Amino acid sequence: MDTKPMPEAPIAESNPASLRAIYLERLERLLDLRRQHEQELNQQGLRLLDHSVFAAYCDCRDVGGEEEAQAILREPRPPAEL
């Protein structure tokens, strides 16, 4: 098997500020997905999405973005248009 070096730096070696921005964007995106699709998803789908939101929050916390993540979670989100 031929092994080649990774073309990009691993996540562990990435700039913490860049990671924080990426993780915060992911958290916002997941919350938007939940809002947009909560009427279409069954309980299992909502639960999986909620677990993803929690994991994204934990990622934000791990890179020093806990306060920003909490602010995102507290933001009122308008109901999805049907």
PDB file of N, CA and C in Angstrom:
ATOM      1  N   MET A   1       0.844  -1.165   0.000  1.00  0.00           N
ATOM      2  CA  MET A   1       0.000   0.000   0.000  1.00  0.00           C
ATOM      3  C   MET A   1       0.894   1.234   0.000  1.00  0.00           C
ATOM      4  N   ASP A   2       0.612   2.140  -0.898  1.00  0.00           N
ATOM      5  CA  ASP A   2       1.379   3.366  -1.009  1.00  0.00           C
ATOM      6  C   ASP A   2       0.770   4.411  -0.082  1.00  0.00           C
ATOM      7  N   THR A   3       1.584   4.959   0.797  1.00  0.00           N
ATOM      8  CA  THR A   3       1.076   6.000   1.688  1.00  0.00           C
ATOM      9  C   THR A   3       1.602   7.347   1.239  1.00  0.00           C
ATOM     10  N   LYS A   4       0.709   8.308   1.222  1.00  0.00           N
ATOM     11  CA  LYS A   4       1.067   9.659   0.802  1.00  0.00           C
ATOM     12  C   LYS A   4       0.806  10.604   1.967  1.00  0.00           C
ATOM     13  N   PRO A   5       1.583  11.657   2.075  1.00  0.00           N
ATOM     14  CA  PRO A   5       1.313  12.619   3.154  1.00  0.00           C
ATOM     15  C   PRO A   5      -0.015  13.320   2.908  1.00  0.00           C
ATOM     16  N   MET A   6      -0.637  13.718   4.008  1.00  0.00           N
ATOM     17  CA  MET A   6      -1.908  14.430   3.912  1.00  0.00           C
ATOM     18  C   MET A   6      -1.663  15.796   3.292  1.00  0.00           C
ATOM     19  N   PRO A   7      -2.498  16.214   2.338  1.00  0.00           N
ATOM     20  CA  PRO A   7      -2.296  17.505   1.682  1.00  0.00           C
ATOM     21  C   PRO A   7      -2.581  18.699   2.599  1.00  0.00           C
ATOM     22  N   GLU A   8      -3.418  18.510   3.614  1.00  0.00           N
ATOM     23  CA  GLU A   8      -3.773  19.596   4.517  1.00  0.00           C
ATOM     24  C   GLU A   8      -3.337  19.246   5.932  1.00  0.00           C
ATOM     25  N   ALA A   9      -3.174  20.256   6.750  1.00  0.00           N
ATOM     26  CA  ALA A   9      -2.816  20.024   8.148  1.00  0.00           C
ATOM     27  C   ALA A   9      -3.985  19.351   8.853  1.00  0.00           C
ATOM     28  N   PRO A  10      -3.704  18.403   9.728  1.00  0.00           N
ATOM     29  CA  PRO A  10      -4.786  17.782  10.497  1.00  0.00           C
ATOM     30  C   PRO A  10      -5.495  18.826  11.353  1.00  0.00           C
ATOM     31  N   ILE A  11      -6.718  18.523  11.730  1.00  0.00           N
ATOM     32  CA  ILE A  11      -7.506  19.464  12.520  1.00  0.00           C
ATOM     33  C   ILE A  11      -6.786  19.848  13.797  1.00  0.00           C
ATOM     34  N   ALA A  12      -6.112  18.909  14.423  1.00  0.00           N
ATOM     35  CA  ALA A  12      -5.425  19.194  15.680  1.00  0.00           C
ATOM     36  C   ALA A  12      -4.369  20.285  15.516  1.00  0.00           C
ATOM     37  N   GLU A  13      -3.834  20.455  14.320  1.00  0.00           N
ATOM     38  CA  GLU A  13      -2.796  21.447  14.079  1.00  0.00           C
ATOM     39  C   GLU A  13      -3.348  22.734  13.478  1.00  0.00           C
ATOM     40  N   SER A  14      -4.648  22.827  13.316  1.00  0.00           N
ATOM     41  CA  SER A  14      -5.260  24.006  12.716  1.00  0.00           C
ATOM     42  C   SER A  14      -5.272  25.163  13.703  1.00  0.00           C
ATOM     43  N   ASN A  15      -5.434  26.344  13.168  1.00  0.00           N
ATOM     44  CA  ASN A  15      -5.515  27.557  13.955  1.00  0.00           C
ATOM     45  C   ASN A  15      -6.773  27.505  14.830  1.00  0.00           C
ATOM     46  N   PRO A  16      -6.639  27.694  16.161  1.00  0.00           N
ATOM     47  CA  PRO A  16      -7.819  27.627  17.040  1.00  0.00           C
ATOM     48  C   PRO A  16      -8.924  28.616  16.664  1.00  0.00           C
ATOM     49  N   ALA A  17      -8.556  29.804  16.213  1.00  0.00           N
ATOM     50  CA  ALA A  17      -9.580  30.778  15.821  1.00  0.00           C
ATOM     51  C   ALA A  17     -10.360  30.284  14.602  1.00  0.00           C
ATOM     52  N   SER A  18      -9.671  29.652  13.674  1.00  0.00           N
ATOM     53  CA  SER A  18     -10.346  29.094  12.494  1.00  0.00           C
ATOM     54  C   SER A  18     -11.275  27.962  12.894  1.00  0.00           C
ATOM     55  N   LEU A  19     -10.804  27.115  13.788  1.00  0.00           N
ATOM     56  CA  LEU A  19     -11.646  26.012  14.255  1.00  0.00           C
ATOM     57  C   LEU A  19     -12.880  26.550  14.959  1.00  0.00           C
ATOM     58  N   ARG A  20     -12.695  27.555  15.794  1.00  0.00           N
ATOM     59  CA  ARG A  20     -13.829  28.123  16.523  1.00  0.00           C
ATOM     60  C   ARG A  20     -14.867  28.645  15.534  1.00  0.00           C
ATOM     61  N   ALA A  21     -14.434  29.347  14.506  1.00  0.00           N
ATOM     62  CA  ALA A  21     -15.365  29.880  13.506  1.00  0.00           C
ATOM     63  C   ALA A  21     -16.085  28.746  12.783  1.00  0.00           C
ATOM     64  N   ILE A  22     -15.365  27.715  12.418  1.00  0.00           N
ATOM     65  CA  ILE A  22     -15.969  26.575  11.724  1.00  0.00           C
ATOM     66  C   ILE A  22     -16.996  25.886  12.610  1.00  0.00           C
ATOM     67  N   TYR A  23     -16.636  25.659  13.866  1.00  0.00           N
ATOM     68  CA  TYR A  23     -17.547  24.967  14.783  1.00  0.00           C
ATOM     69  C   TYR A  23     -18.781  25.812  15.093  1.00  0.00           C
ATOM     70  N   LEU A  24     -18.605  27.123  15.221  1.00  0.00           N
ATOM     71  CA  LEU A  24     -19.757  27.990  15.476  1.00  0.00           C
ATOM     72  C   LEU A  24     -20.693  28.019  14.263  1.00  0.00           C
ATOM     73  N   GLU A  25     -20.123  28.048  13.070  1.00  0.00           N
ATOM     74  CA  GLU A  25     -20.947  27.990  11.855  1.00  0.00           C
ATOM     75  C   GLU A  25     -21.700  26.670  11.770  1.00  0.00           C
ATOM     76  N   ARG A  26     -21.035  25.584  12.142  1.00  0.00           N
ATOM     77  CA  ARG A  26     -21.690  24.272  12.124  1.00  0.00           C
ATOM     78  C   ARG A  26     -22.860  24.256  13.102  1.00  0.00           C
ATOM     79  N   LEU A  27     -22.664  24.818  14.285  1.00  0.00           N
ATOM     80  CA  LEU A  27     -23.737  24.870  15.273  1.00  0.00           C
ATOM     81  C   LEU A  27     -24.933  25.654  14.727  1.00  0.00           C
ATOM     82  N   GLU A  28     -24.672  26.803  14.135  1.00  0.00           N
ATOM     83  CA  GLU A  28     -25.760  27.599  13.550  1.00  0.00           C
ATOM     84  C   GLU A  28     -26.487  26.838  12.448  1.00  0.00           C
ATOM     85  N   ARG A  29     -25.722  26.166  11.610  1.00  0.00           N
ATOM     86  CA  ARG A  29     -26.314  25.411  10.498  1.00  0.00           C
ATOM     87  C   ARG A  29     -27.211  24.288  11.021  1.00  0.00           C
ATOM     88  N   LEU A  30     -26.750  23.569  12.030  1.00  0.00           N
ATOM     89  CA  LEU A  30     -27.552  22.482  12.583  1.00  0.00           C
ATOM     90  C   LEU A  30     -28.834  23.007  13.232  1.00  0.00           C
ATOM     91  N   LEU A  31     -28.741  24.136  13.921  1.00  0.00           N
ATOM     92  CA  LEU A  31     -29.946  24.723  14.512  1.00  0.00           C
ATOM     93  C   LEU A  31     -30.925  25.165  13.433  1.00  0.00           C
ATOM     94  N   ASP A  32     -30.405  25.721  12.350  1.00  0.00           N
ATOM     95  CA  ASP A  32     -31.276  26.101  11.229  1.00  0.00           C
ATOM     96  C   ASP A  32     -31.935  24.877  10.605  1.00  0.00           C
ATOM     97  N   LEU A  33     -31.169  23.804  10.445  1.00  0.00           N
ATOM     98  CA  LEU A  33     -31.741  22.569   9.891  1.00  0.00           C
ATOM     99  C   LEU A  33     -32.853  22.034  10.780  1.00  0.00           C
ATOM    100  N   ARG A  34     -32.626  22.082  12.084  1.00  0.00           N
ATOM    101  CA  ARG A  34     -33.649  21.585  13.010  1.00  0.00           C
ATOM    102  C   ARG A  34     -34.919  22.417  12.883  1.00  0.00           C
ATOM    103  N   ARG A  35     -34.764  23.730  12.849  1.00  0.00           N
ATOM    104  CA  ARG A  35     -35.922  24.618  12.727  1.00  0.00           C
ATOM    105  C   ARG A  35     -36.663  24.379  11.412  1.00  0.00           C
ATOM    106  N   GLN A  36     -35.914  24.240  10.336  1.00  0.00           N
ATOM    107  CA  GLN A  36     -36.528  24.089   9.015  1.00  0.00           C
ATOM    108  C   GLN A  36     -37.246  22.756   8.837  1.00  0.00           C
ATOM    109  N   HIS A  37     -36.755  21.715   9.497  1.00  0.00           N
ATOM    110  CA  HIS A  37     -37.272  20.370   9.229  1.00  0.00           C
ATOM    111  C   HIS A  37     -37.963  19.703  10.407  1.00  0.00           C
ATOM    112  N   GLU A  38     -38.189  20.437  11.499  1.00  0.00           N
ATOM    113  CA  GLU A  38     -38.763  19.783  12.668  1.00  0.00           C
ATOM    114  C   GLU A  38     -40.170  19.242  12.418  1.00  0.00           C
ATOM    115  N   GLN A  39     -40.911  19.842  11.501  1.00  0.00           N
ATOM    116  CA  GLN A  39     -42.250  19.347  11.203  1.00  0.00           C
ATOM    117  C   GLN A  39     -42.230  18.086  10.342  1.00  0.00           C
ATOM    118  N   GLU A  40     -41.131  17.875   9.628  1.00  0.00           N
ATOM    119  CA  GLU A  40     -41.019  16.726   8.724  1.00  0.00           C
ATOM    120  C   GLU A  40     -40.396  15.509   9.388  1.00  0.00           C
ATOM    121  N   LEU A  41     -39.617  15.730  10.447  1.00  0.00           N
ATOM    122  CA  LEU A  41     -38.859  14.639  11.058  1.00  0.00           C
ATOM    123  C   LEU A  41     -39.666  13.912  12.122  1.00  0.00           C
ATOM    124  N   ASN A  42     -39.422  12.616  12.244  1.00  0.00           N
ATOM    125  CA  ASN A  42     -40.022  11.860  13.333  1.00  0.00           C
ATOM    126  C   ASN A  42     -39.158  12.042  14.589  1.00  0.00           C
ATOM    127  N   GLN A  43     -39.568  11.431  15.683  1.00  0.00           N
ATOM    128  CA  GLN A  43     -38.844  11.583  16.947  1.00  0.00           C
ATOM    129  C   GLN A  43     -37.382  11.152  16.840  1.00  0.00           C
ATOM    130  N   GLN A  44     -37.129  10.073  16.124  1.00  0.00           N
ATOM    131  CA  GLN A  44     -35.755   9.598  15.982  1.00  0.00           C
ATOM    132  C   GLN A  44     -34.913  10.606  15.192  1.00  0.00           C
ATOM    133  N   GLY A  45     -35.481  11.177  14.153  1.00  0.00           N
ATOM    134  CA  GLY A  45     -34.763  12.173  13.367  1.00  0.00           C
ATOM    135  C   GLY A  45     -34.443  13.410  14.186  1.00  0.00           C
ATOM    136  N   LEU A  46     -35.420  13.872  14.980  1.00  0.00           N
ATOM    137  CA  LEU A  46     -35.185  15.022  15.848  1.00  0.00           C
ATOM    138  C   LEU A  46     -34.121  14.713  16.896  1.00  0.00           C
ATOM    139  N   ARG A  47     -34.175  13.529  17.430  1.00  0.00           N
ATOM    140  CA  ARG A  47     -33.190  13.132  18.450  1.00  0.00           C
ATOM    141  C   ARG A  47     -31.776  13.110  17.861  1.00  0.00           C
ATOM    142  N   LEU A  48     -31.635  12.564  16.669  1.00  0.00           N
ATOM    143  CA  LEU A  48     -30.325  12.542  16.024  1.00  0.00           C
ATOM    144  C   LEU A  48     -29.818  13.957  15.749  1.00  0.00           C
ATOM    145  N   LEU A  49     -30.708  14.809  15.298  1.00  0.00           N
ATOM    146  CA  LEU A  49     -30.317  16.193  15.042  1.00  0.00           C
ATOM    147  C   LEU A  49     -29.959  16.912  16.336  1.00  0.00           C
ATOM    148  N   ASP A  50     -30.701  16.662  17.401  1.00  0.00           N
ATOM    149  CA  ASP A  50     -30.378  17.259  18.701  1.00  0.00           C
ATOM    150  C   ASP A  50     -29.020  16.779  19.210  1.00  0.00           C
ATOM    151  N   HIS A  51     -28.716  15.510  18.986  1.00  0.00           N
ATOM    152  CA  HIS A  51     -27.391  14.994  19.373  1.00  0.00           C
ATOM    153  C   HIS A  51     -26.297  15.696  18.573  1.00  0.00           C
ATOM    154  N   SER A  52     -26.557  15.966  17.316  1.00  0.00           N
ATOM    155  CA  SER A  52     -25.580  16.666  16.477  1.00  0.00           C
ATOM    156  C   SER A  52     -25.374  18.094  16.963  1.00  0.00           C
ATOM    157  N   VAL A  53     -26.458  18.747  17.366  1.00  0.00           N
ATOM    158  CA  VAL A  53     -26.363  20.104  17.911  1.00  0.00           C
ATOM    159  C   VAL A  53     -25.521  20.085  19.179  1.00  0.00           C
ATOM    160  N   PHE A  54     -25.767  19.113  20.043  1.00  0.00           N
ATOM    161  CA  PHE A  54     -25.002  19.021  21.289  1.00  0.00           C
ATOM    162  C   PHE A  54     -23.523  18.765  21.003  1.00  0.00           C
ATOM    163  N   ALA A  55     -23.234  17.885  20.066  1.00  0.00           N
ATOM    164  CA  ALA A  55     -21.836  17.598  19.710  1.00  0.00           C
ATOM    165  C   ALA A  55     -21.156  18.843  19.151  1.00  0.00           C
ATOM    166  N   ALA A  56     -21.878  19.614  18.338  1.00  0.00           N
ATOM    167  CA  ALA A  56     -21.317  20.849  17.791  1.00  0.00           C
ATOM    168  C   ALA A  56     -21.064  21.852  18.913  1.00  0.00           C
ATOM    169  N   TYR A  57     -21.970  21.920  19.886  1.00  0.00           N
ATOM    170  CA  TYR A  57     -21.763  22.792  21.039  1.00  0.00           C
ATOM    171  C   TYR A  57     -20.505  22.369  21.809  1.00  0.00           C
ATOM    172  N   CYS A  58     -20.348  21.084  22.018  1.00  0.00           N
ATOM    173  CA  CYS A  58     -19.166  20.580  22.733  1.00  0.00           C
ATOM    174  C   CYS A  58     -17.882  20.914  21.979  1.00  0.00           C
ATOM    175  N   ASP A  59     -17.918  20.814  20.657  1.00  0.00           N
ATOM    176  CA  ASP A  59     -16.749  21.196  19.854  1.00  0.00           C
ATOM    177  C   ASP A  59     -16.424  22.671  20.052  1.00  0.00           C
ATOM    178  N   CYS A  60     -17.448  23.511  20.052  1.00  0.00           N
ATOM    179  CA  CYS A  60     -17.245  24.949  20.263  1.00  0.00           C
ATOM    180  C   CYS A  60     -16.618  25.191  21.636  1.00  0.00           C
ATOM    181  N   ARG A  61     -17.140  24.528  22.623  1.00  0.00           N
ATOM    182  CA  ARG A  61     -16.628  24.674  23.987  1.00  0.00           C
ATOM    183  C   ARG A  61     -15.168  24.252  24.072  1.00  0.00           C
ATOM    184  N   ASP A  62     -14.826  23.162  23.393  1.00  0.00           N
ATOM    185  CA  ASP A  62     -13.467  22.627  23.445  1.00  0.00           C
ATOM    186  C   ASP A  62     -12.426  23.552  22.834  1.00  0.00           C
ATOM    187  N   VAL A  63     -12.843  24.430  21.919  1.00  0.00           N
ATOM    188  CA  VAL A  63     -11.887  25.348  21.281  1.00  0.00           C
ATOM    189  C   VAL A  63     -12.043  26.778  21.798  1.00  0.00           C
ATOM    190  N   GLY A  64     -12.718  26.929  22.941  1.00  0.00           N
ATOM    191  CA  GLY A  64     -12.824  28.242  23.558  1.00  0.00           C
ATOM    192  C   GLY A  64     -13.967  29.102  23.078  1.00  0.00           C
ATOM    193  N   GLY A  65     -14.952  28.508  22.434  1.00  0.00           N
ATOM    194  CA  GLY A  65     -16.086  29.279  21.923  1.00  0.00           C
ATOM    195  C   GLY A  65     -17.370  29.051  22.685  1.00  0.00           C
ATOM    196  N   GLU A  66     -17.257  28.712  23.975  1.00  0.00           N
ATOM    197  CA  GLU A  66     -18.455  28.380  24.750  1.00  0.00           C
ATOM    198  C   GLU A  66     -19.426  29.557  24.855  1.00  0.00           C
ATOM    199  N   GLU A  67     -18.917  30.749  25.132  1.00  0.00           N
ATOM    200  CA  GLU A  67     -19.808  31.905  25.280  1.00  0.00           C
ATOM    201  C   GLU A  67     -20.535  32.212  23.974  1.00  0.00           C
ATOM    202  N   GLU A  68     -19.806  32.151  22.850  1.00  0.00           N
ATOM    203  CA  GLU A  68     -20.435  32.409  21.553  1.00  0.00           C
ATOM    204  C   GLU A  68     -21.474  31.342  21.241  1.00  0.00           C
ATOM    205  N   ALA A  69     -21.159  30.087  21.564  1.00  0.00           N
ATOM    206  CA  ALA A  69     -22.090  28.986  21.312  1.00  0.00           C
ATOM    207  C   ALA A  69     -23.352  29.149  22.149  1.00  0.00           C
ATOM    208  N   GLN A  70     -23.194  29.546  23.405  1.00  0.00           N
ATOM    209  CA  GLN A  70     -24.367  29.750  24.250  1.00  0.00           C
ATOM    210  C   GLN A  70     -25.226  30.892  23.717  1.00  0.00           C
ATOM    211  N   ALA A  71     -24.584  31.928  23.211  1.00  0.00           N
ATOM    212  CA  ALA A  71     -25.339  33.043  22.626  1.00  0.00           C
ATOM    213  C   ALA A  71     -26.130  32.576  21.405  1.00  0.00           C
ATOM    214  N   ILE A  72     -25.516  31.736  20.596  1.00  0.00           N
ATOM    215  CA  ILE A  72     -26.205  31.193  19.408  1.00  0.00           C
ATOM    216  C   ILE A  72     -27.402  30.359  19.839  1.00  0.00           C
ATOM    217  N   LEU A  73     -27.228  29.552  20.882  1.00  0.00           N
ATOM    218  CA  LEU A  73     -28.322  28.710  21.357  1.00  0.00           C
ATOM    219  C   LEU A  73     -29.460  29.541  21.940  1.00  0.00           C
ATOM    220  N   ARG A  74     -29.150  30.701  22.507  1.00  0.00           N
ATOM    221  CA  ARG A  74     -30.171  31.560  23.104  1.00  0.00           C
ATOM    222  C   ARG A  74     -30.886  32.440  22.085  1.00  0.00           C
ATOM    223  N   GLU A  75     -30.306  32.606  20.899  1.00  0.00           N
ATOM    224  CA  GLU A  75     -30.907  33.476  19.888  1.00  0.00           C
ATOM    225  C   GLU A  75     -32.298  32.996  19.523  1.00  0.00           C
ATOM    226  N   PRO A  76     -33.259  33.921  19.524  1.00  0.00           N
ATOM    227  CA  PRO A  76     -34.590  33.497  19.056  1.00  0.00           C
ATOM    228  C   PRO A  76     -34.524  33.218  17.556  1.00  0.00           C
ATOM    229  N   ARG A  77     -35.108  32.153  17.171  1.00  0.00           N
ATOM    230  CA  ARG A  77     -35.132  31.790  15.755  1.00  0.00           C
ATOM    231  C   ARG A  77     -36.564  31.855  15.265  1.00  0.00           C
ATOM    232  N   PRO A  78     -36.780  32.554  14.170  1.00  0.00           N
ATOM    233  CA  PRO A  78     -38.153  32.644  13.652  1.00  0.00           C
ATOM    234  C   PRO A  78     -38.643  31.256  13.230  1.00  0.00           C
ATOM    235  N   PRO A  79     -39.931  31.019  13.337  1.00  0.00           N
ATOM    236  CA  PRO A  79     -40.448  29.720  12.890  1.00  0.00           C
ATOM    237  C   PRO A  79     -40.219  29.527  11.400  1.00  0.00           C
ATOM    238  N   ALA A  80     -40.024  28.297  11.017  1.00  0.00           N
ATOM    239  CA  ALA A  80     -39.806  27.989   9.601  1.00  0.00           C
ATOM    240  C   ALA A  80     -41.093  28.255   8.837  1.00  0.00           C
ATOM    241  N   GLU A  81     -40.923  28.756   7.633  1.00  0.00           N
ATOM    242  CA  GLU A  81     -42.091  29.009   6.782  1.00  0.00           C
ATOM    243  C   GLU A  81     -42.542  27.707   6.152  1.00  0.00           C
ATOM    244  N   LEU A  82     -43.834  27.513   6.148  1.00  0.00           N
ATOM    245  CA  LEU A  82     -44.384  26.277   5.579  1.00  0.00           C
ATOM    246  C   LEU A  82     -44.658  26.419   4.121  1.00  0.00           C
TER     247      LEU A  82
END
